[in-house]
């Protein structure tokens, strides 16, 4: 009996999906575990904001170096090293809100280690995945983040309640170690015999079937066009949208538990499975966006440029209105629905700006992603910290943290950013390759 050969690129995409899944279990897990530990000893909201944002200070440091390292030594090695480092930190460093210095340093170094991941992933996907599979491959990979966040929201509150906060970090370390074993065993650097032989007679152009656009290994000694990257308007369109996406995502990821606890007077444990709906919605919409984008491009219904612009605009604008509506609801179901719509359509928008790195610079996808994700990480520093300051200022002004007015300020900032960013992407983005 003939055995069907499973394309290696599918294995790579599946492993990168698991990679992002585990990373976001770690991020959501820390947010929930630290919030529980900090609230137990009366840590104020501003201090919580500083600790929660410390991850992003480390994360921002390693974005561009991550892209450079992936370009030079290969995304496979960089991913493995990153996972080993952050898993060790989670396994060895205790969670104690009273030991602020150790907590700050551990979150900083976890951020540094995880900062190498997404530039390395984009380098790997640019090498392995042909153009007509890019949207769904990138969308599937990044949807792992949201499934990881959903799993974290579903299981970790119960784990914290019944097994203590430290159990979260032990589980995260085990998951990280398990992924390292899978990646080491089943991944590899692509060779020319690994590259997909794709026939697209109705839709392929010469540019689409050039080797470098379909996934060959780019020369690691090639000169990186830093000046052109920095002054490219399409790169800035990606950068601004990456900032906005992560501002909205990180504010909701880090502060939604606090909003449920203070704004709605409801514990995460009491919410059951509904608390995972916003992130599960992201998982679904991210993959819908990828499939729709590839369908529109390969069927020549729309150009790559128009496909990216339309999906990005729909995603960000709908998300903005949902964010504005979120604090108007005083019920858990209304809040969960609004946050699910907002995050779901944000994820749909990733089929616009997030895949665009590989469209415009397939050889330098890791570098461009590193630059872009630096902006996204700054959003975590600004958004998470600013939200804590807003809440603490409201408290100092004797405003009730259960008030919709206080939380309206928190959610309006990312909403207006979404609208602004969608216009920037409409005007300046392109789906054409601009970096050879």
Protein backbone atom coordinates (compact mmCIF):
# COMPACT_ATOMS: atom_id res chain seq x y z
CA UNK A 1 0.00 0.00 0.00
CA UNK A 2 1.34 3.42 -0.95
CA UNK A 3 1.80 5.81 1.94
CA UNK A 4 0.72 9.39 1.32
CA UNK A 5 3.54 11.81 1.94
CA UNK A 6 2.58 14.64 4.29
CA UNK A 7 4.17 17.93 3.12
CA UNK A 8 6.81 19.09 5.58
CA UNK A 9 5.58 22.68 5.42
CA UNK A 10 2.29 21.58 7.02
CA UNK A 11 4.23 20.10 9.92
CA UNK A 12 6.13 23.38 10.31
CA UNK A 13 2.93 25.45 10.28
CA UNK A 14 1.31 23.13 12.83
CA UNK A 15 4.32 23.39 15.15
CA UNK A 16 4.38 27.19 14.90
CA UNK A 17 0.66 27.16 15.75
CA UNK A 18 1.40 25.12 18.90
CA UNK A 19 4.28 27.51 19.62
CA UNK A 20 2.09 30.61 19.76
CA UNK A 21 -0.54 28.68 21.69
CA UNK A 22 1.88 27.82 24.48
CA UNK A 23 3.29 31.38 24.56
CA UNK A 24 -0.12 32.90 25.17
CA UNK A 25 -1.04 30.36 27.81
CA UNK A 26 2.04 31.69 29.59
CA UNK A 27 1.09 35.34 29.15
CA UNK A 28 -2.54 34.97 30.21
CA UNK A 29 -1.46 32.63 32.99
CA UNK A 30 0.85 35.21 34.49
CA UNK A 31 -1.80 37.94 34.27
CA UNK A 32 -4.36 35.81 36.12
CA UNK A 33 -1.96 34.34 38.68
CA UNK A 34 -0.27 37.65 39.47
CA UNK A 35 -3.60 39.50 39.73
CA UNK A 36 -4.82 36.93 42.26
CA UNK A 37 -1.58 37.06 44.27
CA UNK A 38 -1.36 40.88 44.16
CA UNK A 39 -5.00 41.43 45.15
CA UNK A 40 -4.54 39.08 48.10
CA UNK A 41 -1.97 41.43 49.64
CA UNK A 42 -3.53 44.73 48.50
CA UNK A 43 -1.16 45.82 45.72
CA UNK A 44 -2.50 49.03 44.10
CA UNK A 45 -3.56 49.29 40.46
CA UNK A 46 -0.61 51.44 39.33
CA UNK A 47 1.91 48.93 40.71
CA UNK A 48 0.00 46.09 39.08
CA UNK A 49 0.20 48.00 35.80
CA UNK A 50 3.97 48.33 36.12
CA UNK A 51 4.49 44.63 36.84
CA UNK A 52 2.10 43.51 34.09
CA UNK A 53 3.83 45.78 31.57
CA UNK A 54 7.37 44.71 32.53
CA UNK A 55 7.16 41.74 30.16
CA UNK A 56 6.80 44.16 27.25
CA UNK A 57 9.93 46.12 28.21
CA UNK A 58 11.91 42.93 27.73
CA UNK A 59 9.88 41.98 24.67
CA UNK A 60 10.61 45.25 22.87
CA UNK A 61 14.36 44.89 23.36
CA UNK A 62 14.63 41.66 21.41
CA UNK A 63 12.30 42.20 18.43
CA UNK A 64 14.79 43.57 15.91
CA UNK A 65 17.69 41.44 17.25
CA UNK A 66 15.30 38.48 16.92
CA UNK A 67 14.72 39.21 13.24
CA UNK A 68 18.45 39.71 12.67
CA UNK A 69 19.33 36.48 14.49
CA UNK A 70 16.72 34.51 12.54
CA UNK A 71 18.08 35.93 9.30
CA UNK A 72 21.66 34.98 10.19
CA UNK A 73 21.45 31.67 12.03
CA UNK A 74 17.97 30.44 11.04
CA UNK A 75 14.53 30.72 12.57
CA UNK A 76 14.56 27.09 13.72
CA UNK A 77 17.48 27.58 16.11
CA UNK A 78 16.22 30.94 17.37
CA UNK A 79 12.79 29.50 18.23
CA UNK A 80 14.30 26.60 20.13
CA UNK A 81 16.65 28.82 22.14
CA UNK A 82 13.83 31.22 23.01
CA UNK A 83 11.60 28.46 24.34
CA UNK A 84 14.36 26.91 26.41
CA UNK A 85 15.11 30.25 28.08
CA UNK A 86 11.61 31.35 29.03
CA UNK A 87 10.59 27.83 30.13
CA UNK A 88 13.54 27.69 32.51
CA UNK A 89 12.64 31.07 34.00
CA UNK A 90 9.01 30.03 34.54
CA UNK A 91 10.11 26.79 36.15
CA UNK A 92 12.74 28.27 38.46
CA UNK A 93 11.48 31.70 39.59
CA UNK A 94 8.71 31.80 42.24
CA UNK A 95 5.72 34.16 42.01
CA UNK A 96 5.84 36.40 45.08
CA UNK A 97 4.36 39.94 44.81
CA UNK A 98 6.40 40.96 47.86
CA UNK A 99 9.69 40.22 46.05
CA UNK A 100 9.28 43.00 43.53
CA UNK A 101 12.85 43.05 42.21
CA UNK A 102 12.90 39.34 41.40
CA UNK A 103 9.43 39.59 39.85
CA UNK A 104 10.45 42.55 37.68
CA UNK A 105 13.63 40.85 36.47
CA UNK A 106 11.94 37.54 35.74
CA UNK A 107 9.19 39.19 33.67
CA UNK A 108 11.78 41.30 31.89
CA UNK A 109 13.82 38.23 30.88
CA UNK A 110 10.75 36.22 29.88
CA UNK A 111 9.87 39.15 27.63
CA UNK A 112 13.36 39.20 26.13
CA UNK A 113 13.23 35.46 25.43
CA UNK A 114 9.75 35.55 23.87
CA UNK A 115 10.66 38.61 21.79
CA UNK A 116 12.65 36.37 19.44
CA UNK A 117 9.65 34.16 18.66
CA UNK A 118 7.56 36.05 16.11
CA UNK A 119 10.42 37.38 13.98
CA UNK A 120 11.75 33.81 13.87
CA UNK A 121 8.33 32.41 12.97
CA UNK A 122 7.95 34.86 10.07
CA UNK A 123 11.40 33.90 8.83
CA UNK A 124 10.44 30.22 8.97
CA UNK A 125 7.08 30.74 7.23
CA UNK A 126 8.61 32.93 4.52
CA UNK A 127 11.02 30.08 3.78
CA UNK A 128 8.49 27.25 3.76
CA UNK A 129 5.11 28.61 2.62
CA UNK A 130 4.22 29.48 -1.00
CA UNK A 131 2.35 32.74 -1.76
CA UNK A 132 -1.10 31.21 -2.26
CA UNK A 133 -0.97 29.63 1.22
CA UNK A 134 0.46 32.59 3.13
CA UNK A 135 -2.71 34.12 4.52
CA UNK A 136 -4.12 30.93 5.99
CA UNK A 137 -0.72 29.72 7.20
CA UNK A 138 0.08 32.96 9.02
CA UNK A 139 -3.51 33.18 10.29
CA UNK A 140 -3.41 29.60 11.61
CA UNK A 141 -0.06 30.22 13.29
CA UNK A 142 -1.17 33.44 14.95
CA UNK A 143 -4.56 31.98 15.89
CA UNK A 144 -2.64 29.74 18.25
CA UNK A 145 -2.19 32.85 20.40
CA UNK A 146 -5.91 33.24 20.81
CA UNK A 147 -6.63 29.58 21.44
CA UNK A 148 -3.87 29.68 24.06
CA UNK A 149 -5.46 32.74 25.66
CA UNK A 150 -8.87 31.03 25.61
CA UNK A 151 -7.45 27.89 27.24
CA UNK A 152 -5.70 30.04 29.82
CA UNK A 153 -8.88 31.93 30.68
CA UNK A 154 -10.82 28.67 30.93
CA UNK A 155 -8.48 26.54 33.05
CA UNK A 156 -6.06 28.81 34.93
CA UNK A 157 -8.51 30.52 37.33
CA UNK A 158 -9.53 27.09 38.66
CA UNK A 159 -5.88 26.04 38.83
CA UNK A 160 -5.04 29.14 40.86
CA UNK A 161 -7.99 28.56 43.21
CA UNK A 162 -7.39 24.88 43.88
CA UNK A 163 -3.62 24.45 43.38
CA UNK A 164 -2.16 27.88 44.11
CA UNK A 165 -0.51 30.47 41.89
CA UNK A 166 2.83 28.67 41.63
CA UNK A 167 1.21 25.69 39.92
CA UNK A 168 0.58 27.88 36.87
CA UNK A 169 4.29 28.38 36.31
CA UNK A 170 5.11 24.70 36.71
CA UNK A 171 2.52 23.80 34.04
CA UNK A 172 3.84 26.52 31.71
CA UNK A 173 7.40 25.26 32.08
CA UNK A 174 6.30 21.71 31.26
CA UNK A 175 4.41 22.89 28.17
CA UNK A 176 7.44 24.88 27.01
CA UNK A 177 9.74 21.87 27.46
CA UNK A 178 7.33 19.60 25.59
CA UNK A 179 7.21 21.99 22.63
CA UNK A 180 11.01 22.16 22.54
CA UNK A 181 11.15 18.37 22.17
CA UNK A 182 8.60 18.41 19.33
CA UNK A 183 10.37 21.24 17.52
CA UNK A 184 13.78 19.64 17.84
CA UNK A 185 12.49 16.30 16.56
CA UNK A 186 10.21 17.34 13.71
CA UNK A 187 11.44 20.70 12.40
CA UNK A 188 14.32 21.40 10.04
CA UNK A 189 15.81 24.11 7.89
CA UNK A 190 14.33 23.88 4.36
CA UNK A 191 16.37 22.63 1.44
CA UNK A 192 15.45 23.12 -2.20
CA UNK A 193 13.95 19.63 -2.32
CA UNK A 194 11.60 20.65 0.52
CA UNK A 195 10.20 23.62 -1.36
CA UNK A 196 6.63 23.26 -2.61
CA UNK A 197 6.16 22.63 -6.30
CA UNK A 198 2.97 24.55 -6.89
CA UNK A 199 1.11 24.74 -10.17
CA UNK A 200 -1.24 27.68 -10.48
CA UNK A 201 -1.98 27.99 -14.18
CA UNK A 202 -4.93 30.34 -13.88
CA UNK A 203 -3.65 32.78 -11.36
CA UNK A 204 0.13 32.58 -11.16
CA UNK A 205 2.31 35.37 -12.37
CA UNK A 206 6.05 35.27 -12.91
CA UNK A 207 6.62 37.14 -9.67
CA UNK A 208 4.48 34.69 -7.73
CA UNK A 209 6.48 31.66 -8.80
CA UNK A 210 9.93 33.12 -8.42
CA UNK A 211 11.80 30.99 -5.86
CA UNK A 212 12.30 33.75 -3.35
CA UNK A 213 8.57 34.52 -3.24
CA UNK A 214 7.61 30.92 -2.69
CA UNK A 215 9.92 29.97 0.09
CA UNK A 216 13.61 29.37 -0.63
CA UNK A 217 16.17 29.95 2.01
CA UNK A 218 17.31 33.56 1.65
CA UNK A 219 21.09 34.08 1.66
CA UNK A 220 22.13 34.86 5.19
CA UNK A 221 24.92 37.13 4.02
CA UNK A 222 22.54 39.32 2.01
CA UNK A 223 22.68 43.00 2.87
CA UNK A 224 19.62 44.11 4.83
CA UNK A 225 18.14 47.34 3.34
CA UNK A 226 17.68 49.09 6.69
CA UNK A 227 17.28 52.59 5.27
CA UNK A 228 14.59 51.53 2.78
CA UNK A 229 12.76 49.57 5.46
CA UNK A 230 12.79 52.46 7.94
CA UNK A 231 11.58 55.05 5.41
CA UNK A 232 9.04 52.84 3.63
CA UNK A 233 5.43 54.07 3.97
CA UNK A 234 3.98 50.54 3.53
CA UNK A 235 6.20 49.38 6.40
CA UNK A 236 4.92 52.28 8.52
CA UNK A 237 1.34 51.29 7.66
CA UNK A 238 2.05 47.79 9.01
CA UNK A 239 3.88 49.22 12.02
CA UNK A 240 1.03 51.57 13.03
CA UNK A 241 -1.58 48.84 12.69
CA UNK A 242 0.57 46.41 14.65
CA UNK A 243 0.81 49.00 17.43
CA UNK A 244 -2.96 49.49 17.50
CA UNK A 245 -3.76 45.78 17.33
CA UNK A 246 -1.56 45.00 20.29
CA UNK A 247 -2.66 48.06 22.27
CA UNK A 248 -6.25 46.80 22.13
CA UNK A 249 -5.28 43.15 22.66
CA UNK A 250 -2.94 43.73 25.59
CA UNK A 251 -5.29 46.15 27.37
CA UNK A 252 -8.10 43.58 27.19
CA UNK A 253 -5.84 40.63 27.99
CA UNK A 254 -4.27 42.23 31.05
CA UNK A 255 -7.16 44.33 32.38
CA UNK A 256 -10.32 42.40 31.46
CA UNK A 257 -9.88 40.21 34.57
CA UNK A 258 -9.74 43.40 36.67
CA UNK A 259 -12.79 44.81 34.87
CA UNK A 260 -14.77 41.66 35.69
CA UNK A 261 -13.60 41.75 39.31
CA UNK A 262 -14.04 45.51 39.97
CA UNK A 263 -16.33 46.81 37.24
CA UNK A 264 -18.82 43.94 37.36
CA UNK A 265 -18.09 42.58 40.84
CA UNK A 266 -17.71 39.10 39.36
CA UNK A 267 -14.83 36.67 39.78
CA UNK A 268 -13.40 34.79 36.82
CA UNK A 269 -14.06 31.54 38.63
CA UNK A 270 -17.79 32.34 38.72
CA UNK A 271 -17.98 33.02 34.99
CA UNK A 272 -17.49 29.45 33.86
CA UNK A 273 -16.56 28.85 30.23
CA UNK A 274 -17.94 32.21 29.02
CA UNK A 275 -14.71 33.98 29.96
CA UNK A 276 -12.85 32.18 27.18
CA UNK A 277 -15.26 33.30 24.45
CA UNK A 278 -13.40 36.51 23.43
CA UNK A 279 -10.17 34.61 22.75
CA UNK A 280 -11.88 31.62 21.19
CA UNK A 281 -13.62 34.10 18.88
CA UNK A 282 -10.21 35.43 17.89
CA UNK A 283 -9.11 31.91 17.04
CA UNK A 284 -12.15 31.40 14.77
CA UNK A 285 -12.04 34.82 13.08
CA UNK A 286 -8.28 34.70 12.51
CA UNK A 287 -8.62 31.51 10.50
CA UNK A 288 -11.70 32.78 8.67
CA UNK A 289 -9.71 35.85 7.64
CA UNK A 290 -6.84 33.73 6.35
CA UNK A 291 -9.05 31.41 4.32
CA UNK A 292 -11.07 34.30 2.85
CA UNK A 293 -7.92 36.23 1.95
CA UNK A 294 -6.31 33.29 0.16
CA UNK A 295 -9.59 32.57 -1.67
CA UNK A 296 -9.89 36.17 -2.89
CA UNK A 297 -6.27 36.23 -4.07
CA UNK A 298 -6.00 32.81 -5.72
CA UNK A 299 -9.36 33.20 -7.48
CA UNK A 300 -8.29 36.63 -8.67
CA UNK A 301 -11.43 38.19 -7.23
CA UNK A 302 -9.31 40.92 -5.67
CA UNK A 303 -5.67 41.89 -5.87
CA UNK A 304 -3.40 41.16 -2.90
CA UNK A 305 -3.35 44.88 -2.07
CA UNK A 306 -7.15 45.28 -2.05
CA UNK A 307 -7.62 42.03 -0.13
CA UNK A 308 -5.31 43.20 2.63
CA UNK A 309 -6.93 46.65 2.79
CA UNK A 310 -10.52 45.44 2.89
CA UNK A 311 -10.01 42.81 5.59
CA UNK A 312 -7.88 45.16 7.68
CA UNK A 313 -10.47 47.94 7.49
CA UNK A 314 -13.48 45.74 8.30
CA UNK A 315 -11.66 44.16 11.21
CA UNK A 316 -10.41 47.35 12.84
CA UNK A 317 -13.53 49.50 12.37
CA UNK A 318 -15.98 46.90 13.73
CA UNK A 319 -13.60 46.28 16.63
CA UNK A 320 -13.54 50.00 17.42
CA UNK A 321 -17.32 50.24 17.76
CA UNK A 322 -17.44 47.15 19.94
CA UNK A 323 -14.81 48.65 22.26
CA UNK A 324 -16.82 51.84 22.58
CA UNK A 325 -19.93 49.86 23.45
CA UNK A 326 -18.23 47.54 25.97
CA UNK A 327 -18.45 49.72 29.13
CA UNK A 328 -22.12 50.56 28.40
CA UNK A 329 -23.10 47.04 29.42
CA UNK A 330 -23.35 46.27 33.12
CA UNK A 331 -23.95 42.56 32.66
CA UNK A 332 -21.39 39.78 32.16
CA UNK A 333 -23.09 38.57 28.99
CA UNK A 334 -23.03 42.03 27.40
CA UNK A 335 -19.40 42.56 28.34
CA UNK A 336 -18.33 39.15 27.05
CA UNK A 337 -20.22 39.69 23.80
CA UNK A 338 -18.68 43.10 23.15
CA UNK A 339 -15.17 41.95 23.98
CA UNK A 340 -15.66 38.85 21.81
CA UNK A 341 -16.80 40.96 18.84
CA UNK A 342 -13.95 43.41 19.33
CA UNK A 343 -11.21 40.80 19.60
CA UNK A 344 -12.74 38.61 16.88
CA UNK A 345 -12.73 41.37 14.30
CA UNK A 346 -9.26 42.49 15.37
CA UNK A 347 -8.12 38.95 14.57
CA UNK A 348 -9.88 39.16 11.19
CA UNK A 349 -7.84 42.29 10.52
CA UNK A 350 -4.63 40.31 10.89
CA UNK A 351 -5.32 38.88 7.42
CA UNK A 352 -4.56 42.44 6.37
CA UNK A 353 -1.56 43.95 8.13
CA UNK A 354 0.00 40.84 9.72
CA UNK A 355 0.47 38.87 6.48
CA UNK A 356 1.66 42.00 4.70
CA UNK A 357 5.22 41.56 6.06
CA UNK A 358 5.70 38.56 3.78
CA UNK A 359 3.94 40.26 0.82
CA UNK A 360 6.26 43.21 0.67
CA UNK A 361 9.51 41.60 1.86
CA UNK A 362 9.61 37.80 1.60
CA UNK A 363 13.40 37.73 1.96
CA UNK A 364 13.36 40.00 4.99
CA UNK A 365 10.08 38.98 6.63
CA UNK A 366 11.75 38.35 10.00
CA UNK A 367 13.46 41.74 9.95
CA UNK A 368 10.31 43.64 8.98
CA UNK A 369 8.33 41.66 11.56
CA UNK A 370 10.92 42.55 14.18
CA UNK A 371 10.57 46.25 13.39
CA UNK A 372 6.78 46.00 13.28
CA UNK A 373 6.49 43.95 16.46
CA UNK A 374 8.69 46.49 18.25
CA UNK A 375 5.82 48.91 17.74
CA UNK A 376 3.35 46.27 18.89
CA UNK A 377 5.39 45.70 22.02
CA UNK A 378 5.59 49.42 22.78
CA UNK A 379 1.81 49.29 22.70
CA UNK A 380 1.95 46.78 25.54
CA UNK A 381 4.21 49.04 27.58
CA UNK A 382 2.11 52.14 26.91
CA UNK A 383 -1.34 50.58 26.98
CA UNK A 384 -1.01 48.31 30.00
CA UNK A 385 0.82 50.91 32.08
CA UNK A 386 -1.44 53.79 31.02
CA UNK A 387 -4.55 51.81 31.88
CA UNK A 388 -3.27 51.21 35.40
CA UNK A 389 -2.54 54.93 35.77
CA UNK A 390 -6.02 55.87 34.48
CA UNK A 391 -7.66 53.59 37.02
CA UNK A 392 -5.46 54.75 39.87
CA UNK A 393 -6.12 58.43 38.96
CA UNK A 394 -9.86 57.73 38.91
CA UNK A 395 -9.59 56.11 42.33
CA UNK A 396 -7.61 59.09 43.66
CA UNK A 397 -10.40 61.38 42.39
CA UNK A 398 -12.89 59.34 44.41
CA UNK A 399 -14.44 57.85 41.30
CA UNK A 400 -15.94 54.42 41.64
CA UNK A 401 -14.10 51.73 39.66
CA UNK A 402 -17.47 50.13 39.01
CA UNK A 403 -18.45 53.26 37.05
CA UNK A 404 -18.89 52.90 33.29
CA UNK A 405 -17.43 56.41 32.88
CA UNK A 406 -14.07 55.32 34.29
CA UNK A 407 -13.86 52.25 32.07
CA UNK A 408 -15.13 54.17 29.04
CA UNK A 409 -11.88 56.15 29.09
CA UNK A 410 -9.89 52.91 29.19
CA UNK A 411 -11.63 51.36 26.16
CA UNK A 412 -12.06 54.54 24.09
CA UNK A 413 -8.31 54.95 23.58
CA UNK A 414 -7.82 51.69 21.62
CA UNK A 415 -11.13 52.29 19.81
CA UNK A 416 -10.01 55.62 18.35
CA UNK A 417 -6.61 54.14 17.53
CA UNK A 418 -8.34 51.38 15.53
CA UNK A 419 -10.20 53.90 13.38
CA UNK A 420 -7.09 55.99 12.77
CA UNK A 421 -4.95 52.96 11.91
CA UNK A 422 -7.47 51.58 9.44
CA UNK A 423 -7.30 54.82 7.45
CA UNK A 424 -3.49 54.75 7.48
CA UNK A 425 -3.49 51.21 6.10
CA UNK A 426 -6.04 52.10 3.42
CA UNK A 427 -3.89 54.96 2.17
CA UNK A 428 -0.32 53.67 2.42
CA UNK A 429 -0.28 49.85 2.32
CA UNK A 430 0.48 47.64 -0.67
CA UNK A 431 0.45 43.93 -1.42
CA UNK A 432 3.27 44.20 -3.95
CA UNK A 433 6.81 43.07 -3.24
CA UNK A 434 8.96 46.16 -2.62
CA UNK A 435 12.11 44.63 -1.12
CA UNK A 436 14.02 42.26 -3.44
